[in-house]
Structure formats: structure tokens, C-alpha cells
């Protein structure tokens, strides 16, 4: 399926019905999975996650702009909110009244900002584009997400910033990693993930992070969870877990899927 975003970018997406029951109940929730930077809907890590979530819910996967078969260029977490909104709107158009968003790494920052900008009872404005209420998420899960922009405190993040900020780095990202990155800087700088979190309640929010994450140390998930409403925010620090969908084992994905579907 090709989805058209509010700013005219075509985004590839796929729908997988719930496979965990012979006859899924009519109110089966949908889970929209948002991959990390350089990921795509056909990458093994996201496909593995989709298979686990499909045991409990219908699953929508998609490739962010500049990734996989989608058009446009990656803005590394800014306008990707529009891609996620298009995927959520598609889920609702297919008849799913309950939709959870689950994002990994860059996708984790996107689901947080999307939830803040697209509320269930208001028309959310995103620059010159206005979102409709059918693009909101009922439940939000951010896995291995950063809390703030421009973080360079680890070697992997220093390499990433080089790749997205230098012409040579963008060439490597395009031809080596299959990711097209825009050359323009953010203007204006978008709402940061930690600024977005207080705007999500009363919708349930789960923050998941590994104690072996090589990209973002534990001050990131603690900052995100600390910014949320304690009544609606949970934090899981996972022992031995690395970073994002590629490191997530089946047991962790199953627990996340159980939580997301129970709270959707």
C-alpha cells in the first residue's frame, strides 16, 4: 500500500491481520510499528517484531520517508510525524477503533511527538499541516528513544551525526545504508521528545530501554519517564537489552505487545 502524507510524500506500508486467533474479535486493536533510522518495513528486526505483535493485534508496518521504498528524504525524526499519522489514519480507515503506536529509536521519538501533536479530542496543527482527529494514537510505546536532540555523548551517535550532517556521510547513508537524508538543517527545531511527553496523558505511555544501549544511556529513559504523568506512565529498564528492534528478543516483544494491547 502507498500512503500519502499531509505534505505529499508517498510512504510504503503493509497490513498484517491478527494471526493469534482463528476468528479475531471485531474490536481487535491495531499496532503501528515505527522503525529506527536506516530501518524499513522489510528489515528483519521489524518483521520479527511484526510477527510477535500479530499474535495479539493487527499490525501495520511502514517505511519512513527516505527509507526503503518510500519517497522523500529523511528529516531524522521531524516530519516523520506525518508519516506515522498517515499510517494511524489508515489503521482507523480499516475499522480499528483502538490503535497503539510502538516506535524504536528514531521511531520512538516520533511516536512521542506524534502523540503530543495529534490528540484524540482536538485538531492538531503541525506547521502548515493540520491533522485530523482520526490520526491519533490511543496508546504509546517508545523503545530505545532519545530524550533530547543533538545528543553526541556516545561513539555511535557521533558517527550518526557525521553521517547526517556531512555530504560524504549522506552519500554513505544513501548508498551503503539505503537511507536518503535531507541536507537542510531543522528550521525551526521541532518539539523534543521530553517536551512532548507531558502532552500525552491521559493516554497510557510505556518507556522501554536497555541497560546495554550503546546509543542512549539511561539518563534518556529516566528523563522521559520523569516528564510524564505518573498515573499514566510506565518505565521498564531491561537488563541485557541493547538498542531498538534489532536487539529486541521475542520475550521482550511479547511483553510489550501484551501491555500495548491491554492498554489500547
C-alpha atoms as a PDB file:
ATOM      1  CA  UNK A   1       0.000   0.000   0.000  1.00  0.00           C
ATOM      2  CA  UNK A   2       1.221   3.507  -0.754  1.00  0.00           C
ATOM      3  CA  UNK A   3       0.042   6.124   1.760  1.00  0.00           C
ATOM      4  CA  UNK A   4       0.116   9.837   1.002  1.00  0.00           C
ATOM      5  CA  UNK A   5       1.226  12.084   3.857  1.00  0.00           C
ATOM      6  CA  UNK A   6      -0.137  15.548   4.560  1.00  0.00           C
ATOM      7  CA  UNK A   7       2.877  17.114   2.837  1.00  0.00           C
ATOM      8  CA  UNK A   8       2.593  14.915  -0.251  1.00  0.00           C
ATOM      9  CA  UNK A   9       5.197  12.193   0.399  1.00  0.00           C
ATOM     10  CA  UNK A  10       4.351   8.639  -0.653  1.00  0.00           C
ATOM     11  CA  UNK A  11       5.076   6.136   2.103  1.00  0.00           C
ATOM     12  CA  UNK A  12       5.071   2.367   1.609  1.00  0.00           C
ATOM     13  CA  UNK A  13       3.031   0.439   4.174  1.00  0.00           C
ATOM     14  CA  UNK A  14       1.812  -3.103   4.827  1.00  0.00           C
ATOM     15  CA  UNK A  15      -1.102  -4.540   6.797  1.00  0.00           C
ATOM     16  CA  UNK A  16      -0.982  -7.870   8.639  1.00  0.00           C
ATOM     17  CA  UNK A  17      -4.207  -9.151  10.204  1.00  0.00           C
ATOM     18  CA  UNK A  18      -4.168 -10.640  13.662  1.00  0.00           C
ATOM     19  CA  UNK A  19      -2.974 -14.249  13.354  1.00  0.00           C
ATOM     20  CA  UNK A  20      -3.237 -15.247  17.001  1.00  0.00           C
ATOM     21  CA  UNK A  21      -6.871 -16.349  16.844  1.00  0.00           C
ATOM     22  CA  UNK A  22      -8.818 -18.254  14.216  1.00  0.00           C
ATOM     23  CA  UNK A  23     -11.593 -15.671  14.445  1.00  0.00           C
ATOM     24  CA  UNK A  24     -10.238 -12.394  15.896  1.00  0.00           C
ATOM     25  CA  UNK A  25     -12.799 -10.367  17.849  1.00  0.00           C
ATOM     26  CA  UNK A  26     -14.294  -7.421  15.955  1.00  0.00           C
ATOM     27  CA  UNK A  27     -12.679  -4.916  18.327  1.00  0.00           C
ATOM     28  CA  UNK A  28      -9.134  -6.208  17.730  1.00  0.00           C
ATOM     29  CA  UNK A  29      -6.704  -3.311  18.169  1.00  0.00           C
ATOM     30  CA  UNK A  30      -4.152  -2.294  15.576  1.00  0.00           C
ATOM     31  CA  UNK A  31      -0.496  -1.716  16.386  1.00  0.00           C
ATOM     32  CA  UNK A  32       1.520   0.609  14.149  1.00  0.00           C
ATOM     33  CA  UNK A  33       5.249  -0.150  14.322  1.00  0.00           C
ATOM     34  CA  UNK A  34       7.718   2.684  13.672  1.00  0.00           C
ATOM     35  CA  UNK A  35      11.270   1.561  12.864  1.00  0.00           C
ATOM     36  CA  UNK A  36      14.573   3.175  13.722  1.00  0.00           C
ATOM     37  CA  UNK A  37      16.898   5.218  11.498  1.00  0.00           C
ATOM     38  CA  UNK A  38      18.094   3.189   8.451  1.00  0.00           C
ATOM     39  CA  UNK A  39      15.316   0.637   9.023  1.00  0.00           C
ATOM     40  CA  UNK A  40      12.385  -0.214   6.738  1.00  0.00           C
ATOM     41  CA  UNK A  41       9.258  -2.349   6.739  1.00  0.00           C
ATOM     42  CA  UNK A  42      11.072  -5.319   5.146  1.00  0.00           C
ATOM     43  CA  UNK A  43      14.089  -5.357   7.503  1.00  0.00           C
ATOM     44  CA  UNK A  44      14.440  -8.486   9.671  1.00  0.00           C
ATOM     45  CA  UNK A  45      14.201  -6.683  13.009  1.00  0.00           C
ATOM     46  CA  UNK A  46      10.887  -5.034  12.182  1.00  0.00           C
ATOM     47  CA  UNK A  47       9.498  -8.164  10.538  1.00  0.00           C
ATOM     48  CA  UNK A  48      10.312 -10.181  13.665  1.00  0.00           C
ATOM     49  CA  UNK A  49       8.534  -7.611  15.822  1.00  0.00           C
ATOM     50  CA  UNK A  50       5.529  -7.619  13.497  1.00  0.00           C
ATOM     51  CA  UNK A  51       5.189 -11.406  13.775  1.00  0.00           C
ATOM     52  CA  UNK A  52       5.121 -11.194  17.574  1.00  0.00           C
ATOM     53  CA  UNK A  53       2.612  -8.354  17.704  1.00  0.00           C
ATOM     54  CA  UNK A  54       0.368 -10.075  15.139  1.00  0.00           C
ATOM     55  CA  UNK A  55      -0.359 -12.764  17.729  1.00  0.00           C
ATOM     56  CA  UNK A  56      -2.415 -10.198  19.619  1.00  0.00           C
ATOM     57  CA  UNK A  57      -3.327  -7.421  17.175  1.00  0.00           C
ATOM     58  CA  UNK A  58      -3.473  -6.377  13.568  1.00  0.00           C
ATOM     59  CA  UNK A  59      -0.137  -4.838  12.611  1.00  0.00           C
ATOM     60  CA  UNK A  60       0.773  -2.011  10.278  1.00  0.00           C
ATOM     61  CA  UNK A  61       4.384  -1.542   9.270  1.00  0.00           C
ATOM     62  CA  UNK A  62       5.706   1.204   7.038  1.00  0.00           C
ATOM     63  CA  UNK A  63       8.954   2.781   5.885  1.00  0.00           C
ATOM     64  CA  UNK A  64       9.643   6.340   6.979  1.00  0.00           C
ATOM     65  CA  UNK A  65      10.341   8.882   4.238  1.00  0.00           C
ATOM     66  CA  UNK A  66      13.778   8.401   2.736  1.00  0.00           C
ATOM     67  CA  UNK A  67      13.813   4.743   3.826  1.00  0.00           C
ATOM     68  CA  UNK A  68      13.060   1.568   1.886  1.00  0.00           C
ATOM     69  CA  UNK A  69      10.589   2.102  -0.924  1.00  0.00           C
ATOM     70  CA  UNK A  70       9.153   5.347   0.453  1.00  0.00           C
ATOM     71  CA  UNK A  71       9.679   8.665  -1.271  1.00  0.00           C
ATOM     72  CA  UNK A  72      11.234  11.855   0.016  1.00  0.00           C
ATOM     73  CA  UNK A  73      14.221  12.313   2.304  1.00  0.00           C
ATOM     74  CA  UNK A  74      14.629  11.545   5.980  1.00  0.00           C
ATOM     75  CA  UNK A  75      14.427  14.512   8.327  1.00  0.00           C
ATOM     76  CA  UNK A  76      15.698  12.245  11.137  1.00  0.00           C
ATOM     77  CA  UNK A  77      12.616  12.498  13.340  1.00  0.00           C
ATOM     78  CA  UNK A  78      10.987  15.789  12.386  1.00  0.00           C
ATOM     79  CA  UNK A  79       8.482  15.429   9.529  1.00  0.00           C
ATOM     80  CA  UNK A  80       8.316  11.688  10.084  1.00  0.00           C
ATOM     81  CA  UNK A  81       5.414  12.546  12.377  1.00  0.00           C
ATOM     82  CA  UNK A  82       3.370  12.996   9.196  1.00  0.00           C
ATOM     83  CA  UNK A  83       4.330   9.504   8.004  1.00  0.00           C
ATOM     84  CA  UNK A  84       3.143   7.978  11.272  1.00  0.00           C
ATOM     85  CA  UNK A  85      -0.083   9.997  11.161  1.00  0.00           C
ATOM     86  CA  UNK A  86      -0.831   8.592   7.698  1.00  0.00           C
ATOM     87  CA  UNK A  87      -0.280   5.038   8.958  1.00  0.00           C
ATOM     88  CA  UNK A  88      -2.521   5.557  12.004  1.00  0.00           C
ATOM     89  CA  UNK A  89      -5.229   7.082   9.826  1.00  0.00           C
ATOM     90  CA  UNK A  90      -5.034   4.032   7.541  1.00  0.00           C
ATOM     91  CA  UNK A  91      -5.460   1.732  10.542  1.00  0.00           C
ATOM     92  CA  UNK A  92      -8.636   3.550  11.547  1.00  0.00           C
ATOM     93  CA  UNK A  93      -9.948   3.509   7.976  1.00  0.00           C
ATOM     94  CA  UNK A  94      -9.680  -0.296   8.084  1.00  0.00           C
ATOM     95  CA  UNK A  95     -12.110  -0.361  11.012  1.00  0.00           C
ATOM     96  CA  UNK A  96      -9.781  -0.454  14.016  1.00  0.00           C
ATOM     97  CA  UNK A  97     -11.179   1.779  16.741  1.00  0.00           C
ATOM     98  CA  UNK A  98      -8.181   1.224  19.043  1.00  0.00           C
ATOM     99  CA  UNK A  99      -4.680   1.980  17.767  1.00  0.00           C
ATOM    100  CA  UNK A 100      -1.368   1.710  19.595  1.00  0.00           C
ATOM    101  CA  UNK A 101       1.882   3.132  18.253  1.00  0.00           C
ATOM    102  CA  UNK A 102       5.176   1.405  19.069  1.00  0.00           C
ATOM    103  CA  UNK A 103       8.386   3.125  17.994  1.00  0.00           C
ATOM    104  CA  UNK A 104      12.032   2.105  18.143  1.00  0.00           C
ATOM    105  CA  UNK A 105      14.936   4.590  18.496  1.00  0.00           C
ATOM    106  CA  UNK A 106      14.160   7.371  15.979  1.00  0.00           C
ATOM    107  CA  UNK A 107      10.707   5.831  15.675  1.00  0.00           C
ATOM    108  CA  UNK A 108      10.416   6.085  19.457  1.00  0.00           C
ATOM    109  CA  UNK A 109      10.975   9.827  19.316  1.00  0.00           C
ATOM    110  CA  UNK A 110       8.412  10.045  16.511  1.00  0.00           C
ATOM    111  CA  UNK A 111       5.651   8.211  18.401  1.00  0.00           C
ATOM    112  CA  UNK A 112       6.148  10.538  21.375  1.00  0.00           C
ATOM    113  CA  UNK A 113       5.960  13.678  19.274  1.00  0.00           C
ATOM    114  CA  UNK A 114       3.062  12.302  17.225  1.00  0.00           C
ATOM    115  CA  UNK A 115       1.070  11.607  20.391  1.00  0.00           C
ATOM    116  CA  UNK A 116       1.692  15.152  21.607  1.00  0.00           C
ATOM    117  CA  UNK A 117       0.722  16.758  18.312  1.00  0.00           C
ATOM    118  CA  UNK A 118      -2.260  14.555  17.427  1.00  0.00           C
ATOM    119  CA  UNK A 119      -4.681  14.414  20.321  1.00  0.00           C
ATOM    120  CA  UNK A 120      -7.945  12.431  20.306  1.00  0.00           C
ATOM    121  CA  UNK A 121     -10.163  15.432  21.009  1.00  0.00           C
ATOM    122  CA  UNK A 122      -8.541  18.225  19.051  1.00  0.00           C
ATOM    123  CA  UNK A 123      -7.346  19.065  15.596  1.00  0.00           C
ATOM    124  CA  UNK A 124      -3.592  19.005  15.866  1.00  0.00           C
ATOM    125  CA  UNK A 125      -1.557  21.543  13.970  1.00  0.00           C
ATOM    126  CA  UNK A 126       1.829  20.599  12.588  1.00  0.00           C
ATOM    127  CA  UNK A 127       3.339  23.643  10.894  1.00  0.00           C
ATOM    128  CA  UNK A 128       1.119  24.453   7.944  1.00  0.00           C
ATOM    129  CA  UNK A 129      -0.467  20.991   8.017  1.00  0.00           C
ATOM    130  CA  UNK A 130      -3.495  20.221  10.154  1.00  0.00           C
ATOM    131  CA  UNK A 131      -4.026  16.685  11.364  1.00  0.00           C
ATOM    132  CA  UNK A 132      -7.477  15.184  11.812  1.00  0.00           C
ATOM    133  CA  UNK A 133      -8.617  13.504  14.977  1.00  0.00           C
ATOM    134  CA  UNK A 134      -8.594  10.096  13.225  1.00  0.00           C
ATOM    135  CA  UNK A 135      -4.774  10.210  13.167  1.00  0.00           C
ATOM    136  CA  UNK A 136      -4.308   9.994  16.935  1.00  0.00           C
ATOM    137  CA  UNK A 137      -2.926   7.061  18.930  1.00  0.00           C
ATOM    138  CA  UNK A 138      -4.737   5.625  21.944  1.00  0.00           C
ATOM    139  CA  UNK A 139      -1.639   4.026  23.480  1.00  0.00           C
ATOM    140  CA  UNK A 140       2.058   4.864  23.019  1.00  0.00           C
ATOM    141  CA  UNK A 141       5.218   2.782  23.474  1.00  0.00           C
ATOM    142  CA  UNK A 142       8.706   4.239  22.938  1.00  0.00           C
ATOM    143  CA  UNK A 143      11.590   1.749  22.860  1.00  0.00           C
ATOM    144  CA  UNK A 144      15.237   2.939  22.988  1.00  0.00           C
ATOM    145  CA  UNK A 145      14.149   6.518  22.331  1.00  0.00           C
ATOM    146  CA  UNK A 146      16.274   9.633  22.856  1.00  0.00           C
ATOM    147  CA  UNK A 147      15.018  12.267  25.253  1.00  0.00           C
ATOM    148  CA  UNK A 148      16.645  15.253  23.529  1.00  0.00           C
ATOM    149  CA  UNK A 149      18.081  16.358  20.212  1.00  0.00           C
ATOM    150  CA  UNK A 150      21.728  16.741  19.161  1.00  0.00           C
ATOM    151  CA  UNK A 151      22.989  14.135  21.617  1.00  0.00           C
ATOM    152  CA  UNK A 152      26.625  13.187  20.854  1.00  0.00           C
ATOM    153  CA  UNK A 153      27.660  11.556  24.115  1.00  0.00           C
ATOM    154  CA  UNK A 154      28.351   8.087  22.655  1.00  0.00           C
ATOM    155  CA  UNK A 155      30.510   6.940  19.748  1.00  0.00           C
ATOM    156  CA  UNK A 156      27.557   5.559  17.724  1.00  0.00           C
ATOM    157  CA  UNK A 157      25.742   8.895  17.999  1.00  0.00           C
ATOM    158  CA  UNK A 158      28.849  10.825  16.963  1.00  0.00           C
ATOM    159  CA  UNK A 159      29.071   8.623  13.875  1.00  0.00           C
ATOM    160  CA  UNK A 160      25.381   9.147  13.153  1.00  0.00           C
ATOM    161  CA  UNK A 161      25.696  12.922  13.390  1.00  0.00           C
ATOM    162  CA  UNK A 162      28.619  12.798  10.986  1.00  0.00           C
ATOM    163  CA  UNK A 163      26.546  10.717   8.566  1.00  0.00           C
ATOM    164  CA  UNK A 164      23.597  13.110   8.532  1.00  0.00           C
ATOM    165  CA  UNK A 165      25.464  16.425   8.657  1.00  0.00           C
ATOM    166  CA  UNK A 166      28.242  15.921   6.076  1.00  0.00           C
ATOM    167  CA  UNK A 167      27.838  15.436   2.314  1.00  0.00           C
ATOM    168  CA  UNK A 168      30.157  12.407   2.409  1.00  0.00           C
ATOM    169  CA  UNK A 169      28.192  10.945   5.297  1.00  0.00           C
ATOM    170  CA  UNK A 170      24.887  11.373   3.474  1.00  0.00           C
ATOM    171  CA  UNK A 171      26.346   9.608   0.434  1.00  0.00           C
ATOM    172  CA  UNK A 172      27.357   6.671   2.614  1.00  0.00           C
ATOM    173  CA  UNK A 173      23.914   6.633   4.219  1.00  0.00           C
ATOM    174  CA  UNK A 174      22.256   6.638   0.808  1.00  0.00           C
ATOM    175  CA  UNK A 175      24.317   4.025  -0.999  1.00  0.00           C
ATOM    176  CA  UNK A 176      25.572   1.980   1.938  1.00  0.00           C
ATOM    177  CA  UNK A 177      22.517   2.003   4.208  1.00  0.00           C
ATOM    178  CA  UNK A 178      19.716   2.705   1.733  1.00  0.00           C
ATOM    179  CA  UNK A 179      18.653   5.881   3.542  1.00  0.00           C
ATOM    180  CA  UNK A 180      18.262   9.261   1.840  1.00  0.00           C
ATOM    181  CA  UNK A 181      18.822  12.120   4.298  1.00  0.00           C
ATOM    182  CA  UNK A 182      17.887  15.734   3.656  1.00  0.00           C
ATOM    183  CA  UNK A 183      20.729  18.243   3.512  1.00  0.00           C
ATOM    184  CA  UNK A 184      18.790  21.069   5.190  1.00  0.00           C
ATOM    185  CA  UNK A 185      19.037  21.722   8.917  1.00  0.00           C
ATOM    186  CA  UNK A 186      15.894  21.801  11.023  1.00  0.00           C
ATOM    187  CA  UNK A 187      14.169  25.176  10.874  1.00  0.00           C
ATOM    188  CA  UNK A 188      12.591  25.513  13.316  1.00  0.00           C
ATOM    189  CA  UNK A 189      13.927  22.868  15.699  1.00  0.00           C
ATOM    190  CA  UNK A 190      11.000  20.509  16.396  1.00  0.00           C
ATOM    191  CA  UNK A 191       9.472  19.763  19.741  1.00  0.00           C
ATOM    192  CA  UNK A 192      11.840  17.428  21.584  1.00  0.00           C
ATOM    193  CA  UNK A 193      10.704  14.021  22.887  1.00  0.00           C
ATOM    194  CA  UNK A 194      10.997  15.068  26.542  1.00  0.00           C
ATOM    195  CA  UNK A 195       8.917  18.179  25.820  1.00  0.00           C
ATOM    196  CA  UNK A 196       6.300  16.036  24.102  1.00  0.00           C
ATOM    197  CA  UNK A 197       5.803  13.537  26.929  1.00  0.00           C
ATOM    198  CA  UNK A 198       3.782  15.812  29.293  1.00  0.00           C
ATOM    199  CA  UNK A 199       1.265  16.350  26.473  1.00  0.00           C
ATOM    200  CA  UNK A 200       0.426  12.651  26.074  1.00  0.00           C
ATOM    201  CA  UNK A 201      -1.594  11.961  29.251  1.00  0.00           C
ATOM    202  CA  UNK A 202      -4.201  10.694  29.930  1.00  0.00           C
ATOM    203  CA  UNK A 203      -3.252   8.202  27.231  1.00  0.00           C
ATOM    204  CA  UNK A 204      -1.092   5.322  28.544  1.00  0.00           C
ATOM    205  CA  UNK A 205       2.630   5.634  27.818  1.00  0.00           C
ATOM    206  CA  UNK A 206       5.317   2.958  28.167  1.00  0.00           C
ATOM    207  CA  UNK A 207       9.037   3.796  28.017  1.00  0.00           C
ATOM    208  CA  UNK A 208      11.315   0.781  27.399  1.00  0.00           C
ATOM    209  CA  UNK A 209      15.106   0.983  27.462  1.00  0.00           C
ATOM    210  CA  UNK A 210      18.036  -1.389  27.775  1.00  0.00           C
ATOM    211  CA  UNK A 211      20.882  -1.093  30.257  1.00  0.00           C
ATOM    212  CA  UNK A 212      23.266  -2.036  27.425  1.00  0.00           C
ATOM    213  CA  UNK A 213      22.061   0.572  24.949  1.00  0.00           C
ATOM    214  CA  UNK A 214      25.185   1.813  23.134  1.00  0.00           C
ATOM    215  CA  UNK A 215      23.415   4.860  21.672  1.00  0.00           C
ATOM    216  CA  UNK A 216      21.491   6.448  24.533  1.00  0.00           C
ATOM    217  CA  UNK A 217      22.460   5.920  28.209  1.00  0.00           C
ATOM    218  CA  UNK A 218      19.901   5.551  30.960  1.00  0.00           C
ATOM    219  CA  UNK A 219      19.508   9.255  31.658  1.00  0.00           C
ATOM    220  CA  UNK A 220      17.369   9.387  28.489  1.00  0.00           C
ATOM    221  CA  UNK A 221      14.592   6.996  29.585  1.00  0.00           C
ATOM    222  CA  UNK A 222      14.640   8.398  33.113  1.00  0.00           C
ATOM    223  CA  UNK A 223      14.187  11.915  31.733  1.00  0.00           C
ATOM    224  CA  UNK A 224      11.306  10.784  29.513  1.00  0.00           C
ATOM    225  CA  UNK A 225       9.531   8.903  32.292  1.00  0.00           C
ATOM    226  CA  UNK A 226      10.107  11.764  34.732  1.00  0.00           C
ATOM    227  CA  UNK A 227       8.395  14.182  32.366  1.00  0.00           C
ATOM    228  CA  UNK A 228       5.248  12.054  32.158  1.00  0.00           C
ATOM    229  CA  UNK A 229       2.204  11.938  34.365  1.00  0.00           C
ATOM    230  CA  UNK A 230       2.992   9.185  36.932  1.00  0.00           C
ATOM    231  CA  UNK A 231      -0.581   7.941  36.757  1.00  0.00           C
ATOM    232  CA  UNK A 232      -0.295   7.125  33.044  1.00  0.00           C
ATOM    233  CA  UNK A 233       3.426   6.491  32.501  1.00  0.00           C
ATOM    234  CA  UNK A 234       5.426   3.293  32.982  1.00  0.00           C
ATOM    235  CA  UNK A 235       9.183   2.761  32.680  1.00  0.00           C
ATOM    236  CA  UNK A 236      10.863  -0.578  32.001  1.00  0.00           C
ATOM    237  CA  UNK A 237      14.653  -0.789  32.265  1.00  0.00           C
ATOM    238  CA  UNK A 238      15.591  -4.108  30.666  1.00  0.00           C
ATOM    239  CA  UNK A 239      18.727  -5.918  31.818  1.00  0.00           C
ATOM    240  CA  UNK A 240      20.971  -7.054  28.969  1.00  0.00           C
ATOM    241  CA  UNK A 241      18.910  -5.309  26.284  1.00  0.00           C
ATOM    242  CA  UNK A 242      20.807  -3.316  23.670  1.00  0.00           C
ATOM    243  CA  UNK A 243      19.233  -0.939  21.187  1.00  0.00           C
ATOM    244  CA  UNK A 244      15.930  -0.881  19.298  1.00  0.00           C
ATOM    245  CA  UNK A 245      14.215  -3.524  17.178  1.00  0.00           C
ATOM    246  CA  UNK A 246      17.355  -5.335  16.056  1.00  0.00           C
ATOM    247  CA  UNK A 247      18.272  -6.205  19.656  1.00  0.00           C
ATOM    248  CA  UNK A 248      14.765  -6.905  20.971  1.00  0.00           C
ATOM    249  CA  UNK A 249      14.235 -10.583  21.745  1.00  0.00           C
ATOM    250  CA  UNK A 250      10.927 -12.350  21.385  1.00  0.00           C
ATOM    251  CA  UNK A 251      10.203 -12.411  25.124  1.00  0.00           C
ATOM    252  CA  UNK A 252      10.541  -8.630  25.421  1.00  0.00           C
ATOM    253  CA  UNK A 253       8.478  -8.020  22.290  1.00  0.00           C
ATOM    254  CA  UNK A 254       5.774 -10.331  23.650  1.00  0.00           C
ATOM    255  CA  UNK A 255       5.598  -8.395  26.932  1.00  0.00           C
ATOM    256  CA  UNK A 256       5.403  -5.088  25.082  1.00  0.00           C
ATOM    257  CA  UNK A 257       2.658  -6.443  22.817  1.00  0.00           C
ATOM    258  CA  UNK A 258       0.699  -7.686  25.836  1.00  0.00           C
ATOM    259  CA  UNK A 259       0.982  -4.296  27.531  1.00  0.00           C
ATOM    260  CA  UNK A 260       0.081  -2.306  24.409  1.00  0.00           C
ATOM    261  CA  UNK A 261      -2.998  -4.362  23.622  1.00  0.00           C
ATOM    262  CA  UNK A 262      -4.168  -4.358  27.247  1.00  0.00           C
ATOM    263  CA  UNK A 263      -3.959  -0.568  27.408  1.00  0.00           C
ATOM    264  CA  UNK A 264      -5.251   0.267  23.921  1.00  0.00           C
END
